Amino acid sequence: MTDSQFDPDLGPAQGTTAPLTDGLRAKAERTFIEMVRAAFLGHETFPYSEDPSERRLGVRSALSNEDQASFPRIEVRIGPISEYEGSINNLNKWTKAVRRHVYADQAQVMFICTAEEAAEANALGDRVRRLIDLARKDLGRRGIFGMMKPKMQAPQPARQGTEQDDVYQAVVQSGFVILERQERRQDEENPQYGGVADTSEYSLRADSFECGEVKEEPSPAAPESFVVSEGRGSTAAEGLLTFSTDLCTYQVDGVTARVGRDARRPDVVRDPRNKDTLIVELPGAESGTPVRARYEDGNLRDYKNRPIQDFGPIEARWA
């Protein structure tokens, strides 16, 4: 009798395109894929669209069976933290009065940016690297914490030593902690503290990054207020641009700002807590300096995925 007779019957093989519904890492992969797709909606150079005929950029899992000859593309791969050259130690699991049970996993994410030109692969990787920093708050709402500073490798030939060495890949990598739920219970060793059990669930599929079906009729939404306040440092500031309705675009292009006499194109993202508000990053803006914002030829859409019309300039009020 051979050992093979004891091999389990695994049933018919299942392709890698089968839906990944369980596991923290599978859920994290879907979250990161949605994040990247949302960031490239309406992008001038690398537009992503739900309509294949209108998209130039493909965004998918690195395990996908999809056409590997499609360029440019970004593939997302979640792996064990052992593959990441770093460490994560930011979960305080215990307190003196209450035992806190945290159901979490440590992992690393790789964004493999592939293009036919090294410059394009580099541009994709650089945008993804910046996106991770901008998306930290929204990722936290989905149970993804402790994102390490992303590292980017210089573009390398994807198929070295072959006749097809004109395909390049830039890899962006970051470690993170993904949290499923936490439970706070009364510590039996310290009954005097009392307290009620508390359970927090983190839905990694709720509040999707992506917009719905594209609609081309113009949105009636318009900005209602623009308030600027000092940030964490004396020379850092951010503006909150509030609209008359919720927005679906996550990372926004097309906004320009004038701070005093200085014209710039600031980083702009939707507020993860208030979807009717955009956060306009204004580093170097000192308190009281006149600030104006204008929007033109961008990718901003409302909650029904209708394009927001050009507006501005809008004078900001310092809080």
C-alpha atoms as a PDB file:
ATOM      1  CA  MET A   1       0.000   0.000   0.000  1.00  0.00           C
ATOM      2  CA  THR A   2       1.505   3.331  -1.075  1.00  0.00           C
ATOM      3  CA  ASP A   3       1.217   6.703   0.575  1.00  0.00           C
ATOM      4  CA  SER A   4      -0.730   7.998  -2.426  1.00  0.00           C
ATOM      5  CA  GLN A   5      -3.673   5.830  -1.400  1.00  0.00           C
ATOM      6  CA  PHE A   6      -4.105   8.062   1.625  1.00  0.00           C
ATOM      7  CA  ASP A   7      -4.106  11.290  -0.381  1.00  0.00           C
ATOM      8  CA  PRO A   8      -7.347  13.239   0.178  1.00  0.00           C
ATOM      9  CA  ASP A   9      -9.862  13.695  -2.621  1.00  0.00           C
ATOM     10  CA  LEU A  10      -9.750  17.416  -3.303  1.00  0.00           C
ATOM     11  CA  GLY A  11     -12.476  17.338  -5.930  1.00  0.00           C
ATOM     12  CA  PRO A  12     -12.303  19.113  -9.294  1.00  0.00           C
ATOM     13  CA  ALA A  13      -9.701  21.830  -9.736  1.00  0.00           C
ATOM     14  CA  GLN A  14     -10.925  25.405  -9.435  1.00  0.00           C
ATOM     15  CA  GLY A  15      -9.465  28.245 -11.498  1.00  0.00           C
ATOM     16  CA  THR A  16      -7.782  31.259  -9.976  1.00  0.00           C
ATOM     17  CA  THR A  17     -10.623  33.453 -11.178  1.00  0.00           C
ATOM     18  CA  ALA A  18     -12.950  31.820  -8.635  1.00  0.00           C
ATOM     19  CA  PRO A  19     -14.300  34.424  -6.193  1.00  0.00           C
ATOM     20  CA  LEU A  20     -12.202  34.816  -3.061  1.00  0.00           C
ATOM     21  CA  THR A  21     -14.835  35.299  -0.379  1.00  0.00           C
ATOM     22  CA  ASP A  22     -13.072  34.234   2.819  1.00  0.00           C
ATOM     23  CA  GLY A  23      -9.937  35.231   4.633  1.00  0.00           C
ATOM     24  CA  LEU A  24      -8.558  38.579   5.711  1.00  0.00           C
ATOM     25  CA  ARG A  25      -5.926  38.693   2.993  1.00  0.00           C
ATOM     26  CA  ALA A  26      -8.437  37.970   0.217  1.00  0.00           C
ATOM     27  CA  LYS A  27     -10.649  40.766   1.505  1.00  0.00           C
ATOM     28  CA  ALA A  28      -7.655  43.095   1.748  1.00  0.00           C
ATOM     29  CA  GLU A  29      -6.727  42.308  -1.859  1.00  0.00           C
ATOM     30  CA  ARG A  30     -10.171  43.360  -3.069  1.00  0.00           C
ATOM     31  CA  THR A  31      -9.940  46.563  -1.025  1.00  0.00           C
ATOM     32  CA  PHE A  32      -6.585  47.520  -2.542  1.00  0.00           C
ATOM     33  CA  ILE A  33      -7.804  46.698  -6.066  1.00  0.00           C
ATOM     34  CA  GLU A  34     -10.840  48.948  -5.579  1.00  0.00           C
ATOM     35  CA  MET A  35      -8.608  51.689  -4.183  1.00  0.00           C
ATOM     36  CA  VAL A  36      -6.331  51.675  -7.239  1.00  0.00           C
ATOM     37  CA  ARG A  37      -9.219  51.546  -9.709  1.00  0.00           C
ATOM     38  CA  ALA A  38     -10.867  54.507  -7.995  1.00  0.00           C
ATOM     39  CA  ALA A  39      -7.629  56.498  -8.056  1.00  0.00           C
ATOM     40  CA  PHE A  40      -7.240  56.080 -11.822  1.00  0.00           C
ATOM     41  CA  LEU A  41     -10.832  56.867 -12.837  1.00  0.00           C
ATOM     42  CA  GLY A  42     -10.621  59.613 -15.425  1.00  0.00           C
ATOM     43  CA  HIS A  43      -6.822  59.788 -15.235  1.00  0.00           C
ATOM     44  CA  GLU A  44      -5.379  61.684 -18.185  1.00  0.00           C
ATOM     45  CA  THR A  45      -2.590  59.226 -19.022  1.00  0.00           C
ATOM     46  CA  PHE A  46      -3.753  55.929 -17.492  1.00  0.00           C
ATOM     47  CA  PRO A  47      -7.572  56.013 -17.453  1.00  0.00           C
ATOM     48  CA  TYR A  48      -9.399  53.138 -15.763  1.00  0.00           C
ATOM     49  CA  SER A  49     -13.036  52.553 -16.670  1.00  0.00           C
ATOM     50  CA  GLU A  50     -15.654  49.895 -16.032  1.00  0.00           C
ATOM     51  CA  ASP A  51     -16.131  49.931 -19.807  1.00  0.00           C
ATOM     52  CA  PRO A  52     -13.207  47.976 -21.365  1.00  0.00           C
ATOM     53  CA  SER A  53     -13.413  50.064 -24.552  1.00  0.00           C
ATOM     54  CA  GLU A  54     -12.700  53.255 -22.565  1.00  0.00           C
ATOM     55  CA  ARG A  55      -9.921  52.007 -20.313  1.00  0.00           C
ATOM     56  CA  ARG A  56      -6.219  51.988 -20.945  1.00  0.00           C
ATOM     57  CA  LEU A  57      -5.146  50.641 -17.564  1.00  0.00           C
ATOM     58  CA  GLY A  58      -5.932  47.155 -16.270  1.00  0.00           C
ATOM     59  CA  VAL A  59      -6.127  46.636 -12.478  1.00  0.00           C
ATOM     60  CA  ARG A  60      -6.491  43.113 -11.114  1.00  0.00           C
ATOM     61  CA  SER A  61      -5.192  40.425  -8.802  1.00  0.00           C
ATOM     62  CA  ALA A  62      -1.733  39.043  -9.527  1.00  0.00           C
ATOM     63  CA  LEU A  63      -3.354  35.577  -9.402  1.00  0.00           C
ATOM     64  CA  SER A  64      -5.810  36.380 -12.166  1.00  0.00           C
ATOM     65  CA  ASN A  65      -6.083  34.326 -15.361  1.00  0.00           C
ATOM     66  CA  GLU A  66      -6.668  37.484 -17.391  1.00  0.00           C
ATOM     67  CA  ASP A  67      -4.657  38.322 -20.500  1.00  0.00           C
ATOM     68  CA  GLN A  68      -1.065  38.850 -19.416  1.00  0.00           C
ATOM     69  CA  ALA A  69      -0.255  40.718 -22.650  1.00  0.00           C
ATOM     70  CA  SER A  70      -2.359  43.734 -21.675  1.00  0.00           C
ATOM     71  CA  PHE A  71      -0.270  46.835 -20.956  1.00  0.00           C
ATOM     72  CA  PRO A  72      -0.141  48.991 -18.966  1.00  0.00           C
ATOM     73  CA  ARG A  73      -1.517  47.171 -15.909  1.00  0.00           C
ATOM     74  CA  ILE A  74      -1.294  47.096 -12.115  1.00  0.00           C
ATOM     75  CA  GLU A  75      -1.480  43.751 -10.332  1.00  0.00           C
ATOM     76  CA  VAL A  76      -2.121  43.470  -6.604  1.00  0.00           C
ATOM     77  CA  ARG A  77      -0.591  40.659  -4.586  1.00  0.00           C
ATOM     78  CA  ILE A  78      -1.057  40.053  -0.853  1.00  0.00           C
ATOM     79  CA  GLY A  79       1.617  37.945   0.835  1.00  0.00           C
ATOM     80  CA  PRO A  80       2.839  37.028   4.330  1.00  0.00           C
ATOM     81  CA  ILE A  81       4.626  39.641   6.366  1.00  0.00           C
ATOM     82  CA  SER A  82       7.757  37.481   6.242  1.00  0.00           C
ATOM     83  CA  GLU A  83       8.163  38.665   2.645  1.00  0.00           C
ATOM     84  CA  TYR A  84       8.376  42.270   3.823  1.00  0.00           C
ATOM     85  CA  GLU A  85      11.706  43.697   4.940  1.00  0.00           C
ATOM     86  CA  GLY A  86      10.406  45.416   8.036  1.00  0.00           C
ATOM     87  CA  SER A  87       8.305  44.895  11.144  1.00  0.00           C
ATOM     88  CA  ILE A  88       4.957  46.037  12.481  1.00  0.00           C
ATOM     89  CA  ASN A  89       4.375  46.485  16.190  1.00  0.00           C
ATOM     90  CA  ASN A  90       1.550  48.948  16.725  1.00  0.00           C
ATOM     91  CA  LEU A  91      -1.249  46.819  18.182  1.00  0.00           C
ATOM     92  CA  ASN A  92      -1.583  47.227  21.938  1.00  0.00           C
ATOM     93  CA  LYS A  93      -3.624  44.096  22.677  1.00  0.00           C
ATOM     94  CA  TRP A  94      -3.931  44.424  26.447  1.00  0.00           C
ATOM     95  CA  THR A  95      -4.894  47.043  28.994  1.00  0.00           C
ATOM     96  CA  LYS A  96      -4.808  46.746  32.779  1.00  0.00           C
ATOM     97  CA  ALA A  97      -8.554  46.873  33.309  1.00  0.00           C
ATOM     98  CA  VAL A  98      -9.962  45.267  30.202  1.00  0.00           C
ATOM     99  CA  ARG A  99      -8.807  42.345  28.148  1.00  0.00           C
ATOM    100  CA  ARG A 100      -8.913  43.298  24.524  1.00  0.00           C
ATOM    101  CA  HIS A 101      -8.955  40.453  22.019  1.00  0.00           C
ATOM    102  CA  VAL A 102      -7.831  41.551  18.580  1.00  0.00           C
ATOM    103  CA  TYR A 103      -8.380  39.314  15.577  1.00  0.00           C
ATOM    104  CA  ALA A 104      -5.810  40.541  13.092  1.00  0.00           C
ATOM    105  CA  ASP A 105      -3.266  39.451  10.530  1.00  0.00           C
ATOM    106  CA  GLN A 106       0.018  40.973   9.440  1.00  0.00           C
ATOM    107  CA  ALA A 107       0.671  40.952   5.718  1.00  0.00           C
ATOM    108  CA  GLN A 108       2.338  42.835   2.912  1.00  0.00           C
ATOM    109  CA  VAL A 109       0.924  44.170  -0.335  1.00  0.00           C
ATOM    110  CA  MET A 110       2.741  44.445  -3.638  1.00  0.00           C
ATOM    111  CA  PHE A 111       1.570  46.589  -6.543  1.00  0.00           C
ATOM    112  CA  ILE A 112       3.258  45.295  -9.702  1.00  0.00           C
ATOM    113  CA  CYS A 113       3.128  48.101 -12.277  1.00  0.00           C
ATOM    114  CA  THR A 114       3.812  46.839 -15.805  1.00  0.00           C
ATOM    115  CA  ALA A 115       4.212  48.937 -18.953  1.00  0.00           C
ATOM    116  CA  GLU A 116       6.007  48.812 -22.282  1.00  0.00           C
ATOM    117  CA  GLU A 117       8.194  51.783 -21.371  1.00  0.00           C
ATOM    118  CA  ALA A 118      10.297  52.127 -18.233  1.00  0.00           C
ATOM    119  CA  ALA A 119       9.100  55.722 -17.814  1.00  0.00           C
ATOM    120  CA  GLU A 120       5.448  54.621 -17.831  1.00  0.00           C
ATOM    121  CA  ALA A 121       6.100  51.851 -15.293  1.00  0.00           C
ATOM    122  CA  ASN A 122       7.882  54.393 -13.105  1.00  0.00           C
ATOM    123  CA  ALA A 123       4.987  56.876 -13.401  1.00  0.00           C
ATOM    124  CA  LEU A 124       2.457  54.205 -12.408  1.00  0.00           C
ATOM    125  CA  GLY A 125       4.522  53.105  -9.430  1.00  0.00           C
ATOM    126  CA  ASP A 126       5.095  56.657  -8.223  1.00  0.00           C
ATOM    127  CA  ARG A 127       1.362  57.434  -8.310  1.00  0.00           C
ATOM    128  CA  VAL A 128       0.534  54.235  -6.394  1.00  0.00           C
ATOM    129  CA  ARG A 129       3.191  55.059  -3.796  1.00  0.00           C
ATOM    130  CA  ARG A 130       1.640  58.495  -3.222  1.00  0.00           C
ATOM    131  CA  LEU A 131      -1.834  56.991  -3.207  1.00  0.00           C
ATOM    132  CA  ILE A 132      -1.042  54.759  -0.214  1.00  0.00           C
ATOM    133  CA  ASP A 133      -0.152  57.812   1.882  1.00  0.00           C
ATOM    134  CA  LEU A 134      -3.288  59.667   0.785  1.00  0.00           C
ATOM    135  CA  ALA A 135      -5.569  56.678   1.404  1.00  0.00           C
ATOM    136  CA  ARG A 136      -4.508  55.846   4.970  1.00  0.00           C
ATOM    137  CA  LYS A 137      -7.674  57.213   6.594  1.00  0.00           C
ATOM    138  CA  ASP A 138     -10.010  55.430   4.185  1.00  0.00           C
ATOM    139  CA  LEU A 139      -8.058  52.181   4.534  1.00  0.00           C
ATOM    140  CA  GLY A 140      -8.338  52.471   8.327  1.00  0.00           C
ATOM    141  CA  ARG A 141     -12.124  52.619   8.082  1.00  0.00           C
ATOM    142  CA  ARG A 142     -11.952  49.291   6.264  1.00  0.00           C
ATOM    143  CA  GLY A 143      -9.833  47.593   8.920  1.00  0.00           C
ATOM    144  CA  ILE A 144      -6.399  48.078   7.304  1.00  0.00           C
ATOM    145  CA  PHE A 145      -3.990  49.750   9.717  1.00  0.00           C
ATOM    146  CA  GLY A 146      -0.311  50.366  10.268  1.00  0.00           C
ATOM    147  CA  MET A 147       0.600  50.843   6.607  1.00  0.00           C
ATOM    148  CA  MET A 148       4.370  51.047   6.463  1.00  0.00           C
ATOM    149  CA  LYS A 149       6.073  53.677   4.343  1.00  0.00           C
ATOM    150  CA  PRO A 150       5.792  52.225   0.820  1.00  0.00           C
ATOM    151  CA  LYS A 151       8.983  51.230  -0.949  1.00  0.00           C
ATOM    152  CA  MET A 152       9.316  51.379  -4.720  1.00  0.00           C
ATOM    153  CA  GLN A 153      11.809  49.488  -6.828  1.00  0.00           C
ATOM    154  CA  ALA A 154      13.194  51.114  -9.951  1.00  0.00           C
ATOM    155  CA  PRO A 155      11.640  49.722 -13.148  1.00  0.00           C
ATOM    156  CA  GLN A 156      13.277  46.498 -14.314  1.00  0.00           C
ATOM    157  CA  PRO A 157      12.804  44.457 -17.508  1.00  0.00           C
ATOM    158  CA  ALA A 158       9.957  42.019 -16.855  1.00  0.00           C
ATOM    159  CA  ARG A 159      11.449  39.296 -19.026  1.00  0.00           C
ATOM    160  CA  GLN A 160      15.202  39.625 -18.894  1.00  0.00           C
ATOM    161  CA  GLY A 161      17.252  37.659 -21.396  1.00  0.00           C
ATOM    162  CA  THR A 162      14.443  37.169 -23.880  1.00  0.00           C
ATOM    163  CA  GLU A 163      13.480  38.799 -27.134  1.00  0.00           C
ATOM    164  CA  GLN A 164      10.649  40.588 -25.299  1.00  0.00           C
ATOM    165  CA  ASP A 165      12.710  42.652 -22.879  1.00  0.00           C
ATOM    166  CA  ASP A 166      10.827  45.830 -23.784  1.00  0.00           C
ATOM    167  CA  VAL A 167       8.303  45.266 -20.980  1.00  0.00           C
ATOM    168  CA  TYR A 168       9.136  46.890 -17.641  1.00  0.00           C
ATOM    169  CA  GLN A 169       7.849  46.457 -14.110  1.00  0.00           C
ATOM    170  CA  ALA A 170       8.034  48.791 -11.115  1.00  0.00           C
ATOM    171  CA  VAL A 171       7.055  47.205  -7.786  1.00  0.00           C
ATOM    172  CA  VAL A 172       5.610  49.161  -4.855  1.00  0.00           C
ATOM    173  CA  GLN A 173       5.574  47.263  -1.563  1.00  0.00           C
ATOM    174  CA  SER A 174       4.220  48.002   1.915  1.00  0.00           C
ATOM    175  CA  GLY A 175       3.503  46.033   5.079  1.00  0.00           C
ATOM    176  CA  PHE A 176       0.244  46.442   7.000  1.00  0.00           C
ATOM    177  CA  VAL A 177      -2.032  45.084   9.722  1.00  0.00           C
ATOM    178  CA  ILE A 178      -5.530  43.977   8.789  1.00  0.00           C
ATOM    179  CA  LEU A 179      -8.100  43.889  11.577  1.00  0.00           C
ATOM    180  CA  GLU A 180     -11.248  41.759  11.418  1.00  0.00           C
ATOM    181  CA  ARG A 181     -12.775  42.517  14.793  1.00  0.00           C
ATOM    182  CA  GLN A 182     -11.918  43.298  18.380  1.00  0.00           C
ATOM    183  CA  GLU A 183     -13.645  42.393  21.623  1.00  0.00           C
ATOM    184  CA  ARG A 184     -13.319  44.202  24.932  1.00  0.00           C
ATOM    185  CA  ARG A 185     -14.368  42.172  27.948  1.00  0.00           C
ATOM    186  CA  GLN A 186     -14.321  42.674  31.690  1.00  0.00           C
ATOM    187  CA  ASP A 187     -11.098  41.338  33.186  1.00  0.00           C
ATOM    188  CA  GLU A 188     -11.978  38.702  35.769  1.00  0.00           C
ATOM    189  CA  GLU A 189      -8.749  39.470  37.627  1.00  0.00           C
ATOM    190  CA  ASN A 190      -9.868  43.087  38.084  1.00  0.00           C
ATOM    191  CA  PRO A 191     -13.643  42.871  38.717  1.00  0.00           C
ATOM    192  CA  GLN A 192     -13.757  46.311  40.326  1.00  0.00           C
ATOM    193  CA  TYR A 193     -13.438  47.930  36.925  1.00  0.00           C
ATOM    194  CA  GLY A 194     -16.688  46.449  35.622  1.00  0.00           C
ATOM    195  CA  GLY A 195     -17.850  47.443  32.165  1.00  0.00           C
ATOM    196  CA  VAL A 196     -19.953  46.013  29.374  1.00  0.00           C
ATOM    197  CA  ALA A 197     -18.570  43.765  26.666  1.00  0.00           C
ATOM    198  CA  ASP A 198     -17.948  45.626  23.452  1.00  0.00           C
ATOM    199  CA  THR A 199     -17.473  44.055  20.016  1.00  0.00           C
ATOM    200  CA  SER A 200     -16.383  46.016  16.962  1.00  0.00           C
ATOM    201  CA  GLU A 201     -16.736  44.559  13.487  1.00  0.00           C
ATOM    202  CA  TYR A 202     -14.798  45.868  10.509  1.00  0.00           C
ATOM    203  CA  SER A 203     -16.461  45.354   7.147  1.00  0.00           C
ATOM    204  CA  LEU A 204     -13.839  45.297   4.422  1.00  0.00           C
ATOM    205  CA  ARG A 205     -16.476  45.444   1.692  1.00  0.00           C
ATOM    206  CA  ALA A 206     -18.604  48.294   3.035  1.00  0.00           C
ATOM    207  CA  ASP A 207     -18.334  51.821   1.685  1.00  0.00           C
ATOM    208  CA  SER A 208     -16.759  50.889  -1.636  1.00  0.00           C
ATOM    209  CA  PHE A 209     -14.079  53.107  -3.186  1.00  0.00           C
ATOM    210  CA  GLU A 210     -15.655  52.661  -6.600  1.00  0.00           C
ATOM    211  CA  CYS A 211     -18.382  54.732  -8.231  1.00  0.00           C
ATOM    212  CA  GLY A 212     -21.510  53.257  -9.777  1.00  0.00           C
ATOM    213  CA  GLU A 213     -22.550  53.235 -13.419  1.00  0.00           C
ATOM    214  CA  VAL A 214     -21.151  56.181 -15.351  1.00  0.00           C
ATOM    215  CA  LYS A 215     -23.683  58.881 -16.258  1.00  0.00           C
ATOM    216  CA  GLU A 216     -22.798  61.725 -18.559  1.00  0.00           C
ATOM    217  CA  GLU A 217     -25.561  64.218 -17.703  1.00  0.00           C
ATOM    218  CA  PRO A 218     -24.028  67.091 -15.703  1.00  0.00           C
ATOM    219  CA  SER A 219     -24.382  67.093 -11.939  1.00  0.00           C
ATOM    220  CA  PRO A 220     -26.294  69.913 -10.244  1.00  0.00           C
ATOM    221  CA  ALA A 221     -23.852  69.721  -7.313  1.00  0.00           C
ATOM    222  CA  ALA A 222     -21.820  72.819  -6.532  1.00  0.00           C
ATOM    223  CA  PRO A 223     -19.333  73.831  -3.818  1.00  0.00           C
ATOM    224  CA  GLU A 224     -20.890  75.496  -0.791  1.00  0.00           C
ATOM    225  CA  SER A 225     -17.909  76.438   1.372  1.00  0.00           C
ATOM    226  CA  PHE A 226     -14.120  76.414   1.428  1.00  0.00           C
ATOM    227  CA  VAL A 227     -12.485  76.521   4.858  1.00  0.00           C
ATOM    228  CA  VAL A 228      -8.726  76.378   5.463  1.00  0.00           C
ATOM    229  CA  SER A 229      -7.116  75.610   8.809  1.00  0.00           C
ATOM    230  CA  GLU A 230      -3.624  75.009  10.130  1.00  0.00           C
ATOM    231  CA  GLY A 231      -2.512  71.391  10.167  1.00  0.00           C
ATOM    232  CA  ARG A 232      -0.212  69.575  12.536  1.00  0.00           C
ATOM    233  CA  GLY A 233       2.674  71.962  11.930  1.00  0.00           C
ATOM    234  CA  SER A 234       2.833  75.750  11.996  1.00  0.00           C
ATOM    235  CA  THR A 235       3.480  75.861   8.234  1.00  0.00           C
ATOM    236  CA  ALA A 236       1.137  73.019   7.182  1.00  0.00           C
ATOM    237  CA  ALA A 237      -2.487  73.584   6.259  1.00  0.00           C
ATOM    238  CA  GLU A 238      -5.416  71.849   4.603  1.00  0.00           C
ATOM    239  CA  GLY A 239      -8.619  73.094   3.065  1.00  0.00           C
ATOM    240  CA  LEU A 240     -12.069  71.505   3.329  1.00  0.00           C
ATOM    241  CA  LEU A 241     -14.104  72.100   0.161  1.00  0.00           C
ATOM    242  CA  THR A 242     -17.715  71.155   0.925  1.00  0.00           C
ATOM    243  CA  PHE A 243     -20.352  70.420  -1.737  1.00  0.00           C
ATOM    244  CA  SER A 244     -24.141  70.373  -1.828  1.00  0.00           C
ATOM    245  CA  THR A 245     -24.197  66.575  -2.241  1.00  0.00           C
ATOM    246  CA  ASP A 246     -22.030  63.483  -1.703  1.00  0.00           C
ATOM    247  CA  LEU A 247     -19.195  62.688  -4.098  1.00  0.00           C
ATOM    248  CA  CYS A 248     -17.981  59.344  -5.405  1.00  0.00           C
ATOM    249  CA  THR A 249     -14.525  60.251  -6.763  1.00  0.00           C
ATOM    250  CA  TYR A 250     -11.795  59.333  -4.297  1.00  0.00           C
ATOM    251  CA  GLN A 251      -8.625  60.938  -5.657  1.00  0.00           C
ATOM    252  CA  VAL A 252      -9.420  64.142  -7.526  1.00  0.00           C
ATOM    253  CA  ASP A 253      -7.672  65.734 -10.492  1.00  0.00           C
ATOM    254  CA  GLY A 254      -8.370  69.182 -11.937  1.00  0.00           C
ATOM    255  CA  VAL A 255      -8.170  71.331  -8.789  1.00  0.00           C
ATOM    256  CA  THR A 256      -5.724  74.232  -8.791  1.00  0.00           C
ATOM    257  CA  ALA A 257      -5.047  76.572  -5.883  1.00  0.00           C
ATOM    258  CA  ARG A 258      -3.480  79.988  -5.488  1.00  0.00           C
ATOM    259  CA  VAL A 259      -1.861  80.584  -2.094  1.00  0.00           C
ATOM    260  CA  GLY A 260      -0.931  84.233  -1.977  1.00  0.00           C
ATOM    261  CA  ARG A 261       0.940  84.661  -5.280  1.00  0.00           C
ATOM    262  CA  ASP A 262       1.897  81.000  -5.486  1.00  0.00           C
ATOM    263  CA  ALA A 263      -0.048  78.828  -7.971  1.00  0.00           C
ATOM    264  CA  ARG A 264      -0.068  75.063  -7.420  1.00  0.00           C
ATOM    265  CA  ARG A 265      -1.872  71.789  -8.165  1.00  0.00           C
ATOM    266  CA  PRO A 266      -2.499  70.353  -4.688  1.00  0.00           C
ATOM    267  CA  ASP A 267      -3.213  66.750  -3.743  1.00  0.00           C
ATOM    268  CA  VAL A 268      -6.988  66.400  -3.303  1.00  0.00           C
ATOM    269  CA  VAL A 269      -8.896  63.437  -1.862  1.00  0.00           C
ATOM    270  CA  ARG A 270     -12.454  62.920  -0.683  1.00  0.00           C
ATOM    271  CA  ASP A 271     -12.873  63.118   3.086  1.00  0.00           C
ATOM    272  CA  PRO A 272     -13.348  59.511   4.334  1.00  0.00           C
ATOM    273  CA  ARG A 273     -15.764  60.685   7.036  1.00  0.00           C
ATOM    274  CA  ASN A 274     -17.789  63.247   5.069  1.00  0.00           C
ATOM    275  CA  LYS A 275     -18.354  62.262   1.464  1.00  0.00           C
ATOM    276  CA  ASP A 276     -19.588  65.723   0.520  1.00  0.00           C
ATOM    277  CA  THR A 277     -16.171  67.197   1.328  1.00  0.00           C
ATOM    278  CA  LEU A 278     -12.804  67.279  -0.427  1.00  0.00           C
ATOM    279  CA  ILE A 279      -9.550  67.612   1.509  1.00  0.00           C
ATOM    280  CA  VAL A 280      -7.148  69.976  -0.275  1.00  0.00           C
ATOM    281  CA  GLU A 281      -3.546  69.615   0.925  1.00  0.00           C
ATOM    282  CA  LEU A 282      -1.826  73.020   1.203  1.00  0.00           C
ATOM    283  CA  PRO A 283       1.651  72.523   2.695  1.00  0.00           C
ATOM    284  CA  GLY A 284       3.465  75.769   3.273  1.00  0.00           C
ATOM    285  CA  ALA A 285       0.324  77.906   3.527  1.00  0.00           C
ATOM    286  CA  GLU A 286       0.658  80.215   6.521  1.00  0.00           C
ATOM    287  CA  SER A 287      -2.356  81.270   8.560  1.00  0.00           C
ATOM    288  CA  GLY A 288      -4.222  84.196   7.045  1.00  0.00           C
ATOM    289  CA  THR A 289      -2.658  83.903   3.589  1.00  0.00           C
ATOM    290  CA  PRO A 290      -5.313  84.392   0.863  1.00  0.00           C
ATOM    291  CA  VAL A 291      -6.235  81.043  -0.700  1.00  0.00           C
ATOM    292  CA  ARG A 292      -8.389  80.492  -3.782  1.00  0.00           C
ATOM    293  CA  ALA A 293      -9.378  77.222  -5.466  1.00  0.00           C
ATOM    294  CA  ARG A 294     -10.517  76.511  -8.999  1.00  0.00           C
ATOM    295  CA  TYR A 295     -11.713  73.291 -10.681  1.00  0.00           C
ATOM    296  CA  GLU A 296     -11.430  72.719 -14.426  1.00  0.00           C
ATOM    297  CA  ASP A 297     -11.346  69.688 -16.758  1.00  0.00           C
ATOM    298  CA  GLY A 298     -11.032  67.177 -13.909  1.00  0.00           C
ATOM    299  CA  ASN A 299     -12.462  63.791 -12.937  1.00  0.00           C
ATOM    300  CA  LEU A 300     -14.756  64.831 -10.063  1.00  0.00           C
ATOM    301  CA  ARG A 301     -18.168  63.115 -10.024  1.00  0.00           C
ATOM    302  CA  ASP A 302     -21.106  63.114  -7.611  1.00  0.00           C
ATOM    303  CA  TYR A 303     -22.632  60.111  -5.824  1.00  0.00           C
ATOM    304  CA  LYS A 304     -24.632  59.229  -8.955  1.00  0.00           C
ATOM    305  CA  ASN A 305     -21.397  59.288 -10.980  1.00  0.00           C
ATOM    306  CA  ARG A 306     -22.368  62.461 -12.866  1.00  0.00           C
ATOM    307  CA  PRO A 307     -19.549  64.886 -13.774  1.00  0.00           C
ATOM    308  CA  ILE A 308     -19.189  67.998 -11.621  1.00  0.00           C
ATOM    309  CA  GLN A 309     -19.073  71.195 -13.687  1.00  0.00           C
ATOM    310  CA  ASP A 310     -16.072  73.522 -13.641  1.00  0.00           C
ATOM    311  CA  PHE A 311     -16.165  76.154 -10.901  1.00  0.00           C
ATOM    312  CA  GLY A 312     -14.155  78.876  -9.211  1.00  0.00           C
ATOM    313  CA  PRO A 313     -12.183  80.644  -8.203  1.00  0.00           C
ATOM    314  CA  ILE A 314     -13.527  80.244  -4.636  1.00  0.00           C
ATOM    315  CA  GLU A 315     -12.072  82.350  -1.841  1.00  0.00           C
ATOM    316  CA  ALA A 316     -11.227  80.344   1.294  1.00  0.00           C
ATOM    317  CA  ARG A 317     -12.020  81.330   4.844  1.00  0.00           C
ATOM    318  CA  TRP A 318      -9.392  80.650   7.521  1.00  0.00           C
ATOM    319  CA  ALA A 319     -10.812  78.871  10.561  1.00  0.00           C
END
